[in-house]
Amino acid sequence: MTKEHVARMLSKVPRGRFLEIEEFTSLICWLSAEENSFFTAPVFDISGGRSTY
C-alpha cells in the first residue's frame, strides 16, 4: 500500500492509530481463557471506532 493510502485509512480511525498486535493477541488469549467460559458468540469491533469503510 502507498503511504497516501495508509494515511487515508488512518485518518478514518477515531483512535488515531492502528491496532497493535499485542492488543489483538490479548483479546484472543482472553477469548480462549477459562475465565471467559460464559461467552458463546461475542462480536468485537477491532476497528478503533472506524465506521466509514
N, C-alpha and C. Protein backbone atom coordinates (compact mmCIF):
# COMPACT_ATOMS: atom_id res chain seq x y z
N MET A 1 0.83 -1.17 0.00
CA MET A 1 0.00 0.00 0.00
C MET A 1 0.89 1.24 0.00
N THR A 2 0.41 2.25 -0.65
CA THR A 2 1.17 3.50 -0.67
C THR A 2 1.02 4.22 0.66
N LYS A 3 1.94 5.13 0.94
CA LYS A 3 1.88 5.92 2.16
C LYS A 3 0.60 6.76 2.19
N GLU A 4 0.19 7.22 1.03
CA GLU A 4 -1.03 8.02 0.95
C GLU A 4 -2.26 7.19 1.31
N HIS A 5 -2.29 5.97 0.85
CA HIS A 5 -3.41 5.08 1.15
C HIS A 5 -3.48 4.78 2.65
N VAL A 6 -2.32 4.48 3.23
CA VAL A 6 -2.26 4.20 4.67
C VAL A 6 -2.70 5.43 5.46
N ALA A 7 -2.24 6.60 5.07
CA ALA A 7 -2.62 7.84 5.75
C ALA A 7 -4.12 8.09 5.64
N ARG A 8 -4.70 7.80 4.49
CA ARG A 8 -6.14 7.97 4.31
C ARG A 8 -6.91 7.00 5.21
N MET A 9 -6.45 5.76 5.30
CA MET A 9 -7.11 4.79 6.18
C MET A 9 -6.99 5.23 7.64
N LEU A 10 -5.82 5.66 8.04
CA LEU A 10 -5.59 6.09 9.42
C LEU A 10 -6.43 7.31 9.77
N SER A 11 -6.65 8.18 8.82
CA SER A 11 -7.44 9.39 9.09
C SER A 11 -8.89 9.07 9.41
N LYS A 12 -9.35 7.88 9.10
CA LYS A 12 -10.73 7.48 9.37
C LYS A 12 -10.89 6.74 10.70
N VAL A 13 -9.79 6.53 11.41
CA VAL A 13 -9.83 5.81 12.68
C VAL A 13 -9.86 6.83 13.82
N PRO A 14 -10.97 6.92 14.56
CA PRO A 14 -11.08 7.91 15.63
C PRO A 14 -9.98 7.82 16.70
N ARG A 15 -9.46 6.65 16.95
CA ARG A 15 -8.38 6.50 17.94
C ARG A 15 -7.07 7.12 17.45
N GLY A 16 -6.97 7.35 16.15
CA GLY A 16 -5.77 7.98 15.60
C GLY A 16 -4.58 7.05 15.44
N ARG A 17 -4.84 5.76 15.52
CA ARG A 17 -3.75 4.78 15.35
C ARG A 17 -4.35 3.45 14.93
N PHE A 18 -3.49 2.57 14.45
CA PHE A 18 -3.93 1.23 14.09
C PHE A 18 -3.81 0.29 15.29
N LEU A 19 -4.48 -0.82 15.22
CA LEU A 19 -4.42 -1.84 16.25
C LEU A 19 -3.02 -2.40 16.38
N GLU A 20 -2.55 -2.53 17.60
CA GLU A 20 -1.25 -3.17 17.85
C GLU A 20 -1.47 -4.67 17.96
N ILE A 21 -0.53 -5.46 17.49
CA ILE A 21 -0.66 -6.91 17.51
C ILE A 21 -0.82 -7.42 18.94
N GLU A 22 -0.18 -6.78 19.90
CA GLU A 22 -0.30 -7.18 21.30
C GLU A 22 -1.73 -7.02 21.80
N GLU A 23 -2.42 -5.99 21.34
CA GLU A 23 -3.81 -5.78 21.73
C GLU A 23 -4.70 -6.90 21.19
N PHE A 24 -4.45 -7.28 19.96
CA PHE A 24 -5.23 -8.34 19.34
C PHE A 24 -4.95 -9.69 20.00
N THR A 25 -3.68 -9.96 20.28
CA THR A 25 -3.36 -11.24 20.92
C THR A 25 -3.91 -11.32 22.33
N SER A 26 -3.96 -10.18 23.03
CA SER A 26 -4.58 -10.16 24.37
C SER A 26 -6.05 -10.53 24.29
N LEU A 27 -6.74 -10.01 23.28
CA LEU A 27 -8.15 -10.33 23.09
C LEU A 27 -8.33 -11.82 22.80
N ILE A 28 -7.51 -12.36 21.92
CA ILE A 28 -7.60 -13.77 21.58
C ILE A 28 -7.31 -14.65 22.80
N CYS A 29 -6.30 -14.26 23.57
CA CYS A 29 -5.99 -15.04 24.79
C CYS A 29 -7.15 -15.00 25.76
N TRP A 30 -7.75 -13.83 25.94
CA TRP A 30 -8.89 -13.72 26.85
C TRP A 30 -10.08 -14.54 26.35
N LEU A 31 -10.33 -14.49 25.04
CA LEU A 31 -11.45 -15.25 24.48
C LEU A 31 -11.28 -16.75 24.69
N SER A 32 -10.05 -17.21 24.69
CA SER A 32 -9.81 -18.65 24.83
C SER A 32 -9.51 -19.07 26.27
N ALA A 33 -9.53 -18.11 27.19
CA ALA A 33 -9.20 -18.42 28.59
C ALA A 33 -10.40 -19.03 29.32
N GLU A 34 -10.09 -19.78 30.34
CA GLU A 34 -11.12 -20.41 31.17
C GLU A 34 -12.00 -19.36 31.84
N GLU A 35 -11.43 -18.20 32.21
CA GLU A 35 -12.20 -17.15 32.87
C GLU A 35 -13.28 -16.56 31.95
N ASN A 36 -13.22 -16.88 30.69
CA ASN A 36 -14.18 -16.39 29.72
C ASN A 36 -15.12 -17.52 29.27
N SER A 37 -15.37 -18.46 30.11
CA SER A 37 -16.15 -19.63 29.72
C SER A 37 -17.64 -19.36 29.54
N PHE A 38 -18.12 -18.19 29.94
CA PHE A 38 -19.54 -17.89 29.85
C PHE A 38 -19.97 -17.44 28.46
N PHE A 39 -19.12 -16.69 27.77
CA PHE A 39 -19.47 -16.14 26.47
C PHE A 39 -19.54 -17.23 25.41
N THR A 40 -20.50 -17.11 24.49
CA THR A 40 -20.64 -18.12 23.46
C THR A 40 -20.39 -17.59 22.05
N ALA A 41 -20.73 -16.35 21.78
CA ALA A 41 -20.53 -15.83 20.43
C ALA A 41 -20.42 -14.31 20.43
N PRO A 42 -19.40 -13.77 21.10
CA PRO A 42 -19.27 -12.31 21.13
C PRO A 42 -18.77 -11.77 19.79
N VAL A 43 -19.08 -10.53 19.53
CA VAL A 43 -18.57 -9.84 18.35
C VAL A 43 -17.79 -8.63 18.85
N PHE A 44 -16.54 -8.54 18.52
CA PHE A 44 -15.70 -7.43 18.95
C PHE A 44 -15.28 -6.62 17.73
N ASP A 45 -15.47 -5.32 17.81
CA ASP A 45 -15.08 -4.41 16.75
C ASP A 45 -13.65 -3.96 17.02
N ILE A 46 -12.71 -4.40 16.22
CA ILE A 46 -11.31 -4.05 16.42
C ILE A 46 -10.87 -2.96 15.44
N SER A 47 -11.82 -2.11 15.05
CA SER A 47 -11.52 -1.06 14.09
C SER A 47 -11.06 0.24 14.73
N GLY A 48 -11.05 0.32 16.06
CA GLY A 48 -10.68 1.56 16.71
C GLY A 48 -11.77 2.61 16.62
N GLY A 49 -12.97 2.17 16.33
CA GLY A 49 -14.11 3.08 16.22
C GLY A 49 -14.42 3.52 14.80
N ARG A 50 -13.67 3.01 13.86
CA ARG A 50 -13.88 3.39 12.46
C ARG A 50 -15.25 2.94 11.99
N SER A 51 -15.99 3.85 11.42
CA SER A 51 -17.31 3.50 10.94
C SER A 51 -17.48 3.78 9.45
N THR A 52 -16.48 4.35 8.83
CA THR A 52 -16.53 4.65 7.41
C THR A 52 -15.61 3.70 6.67
N TYR A 53 -16.19 2.79 5.94
CA TYR A 53 -15.38 1.84 5.20
C TYR A 53 -15.44 2.18 3.74
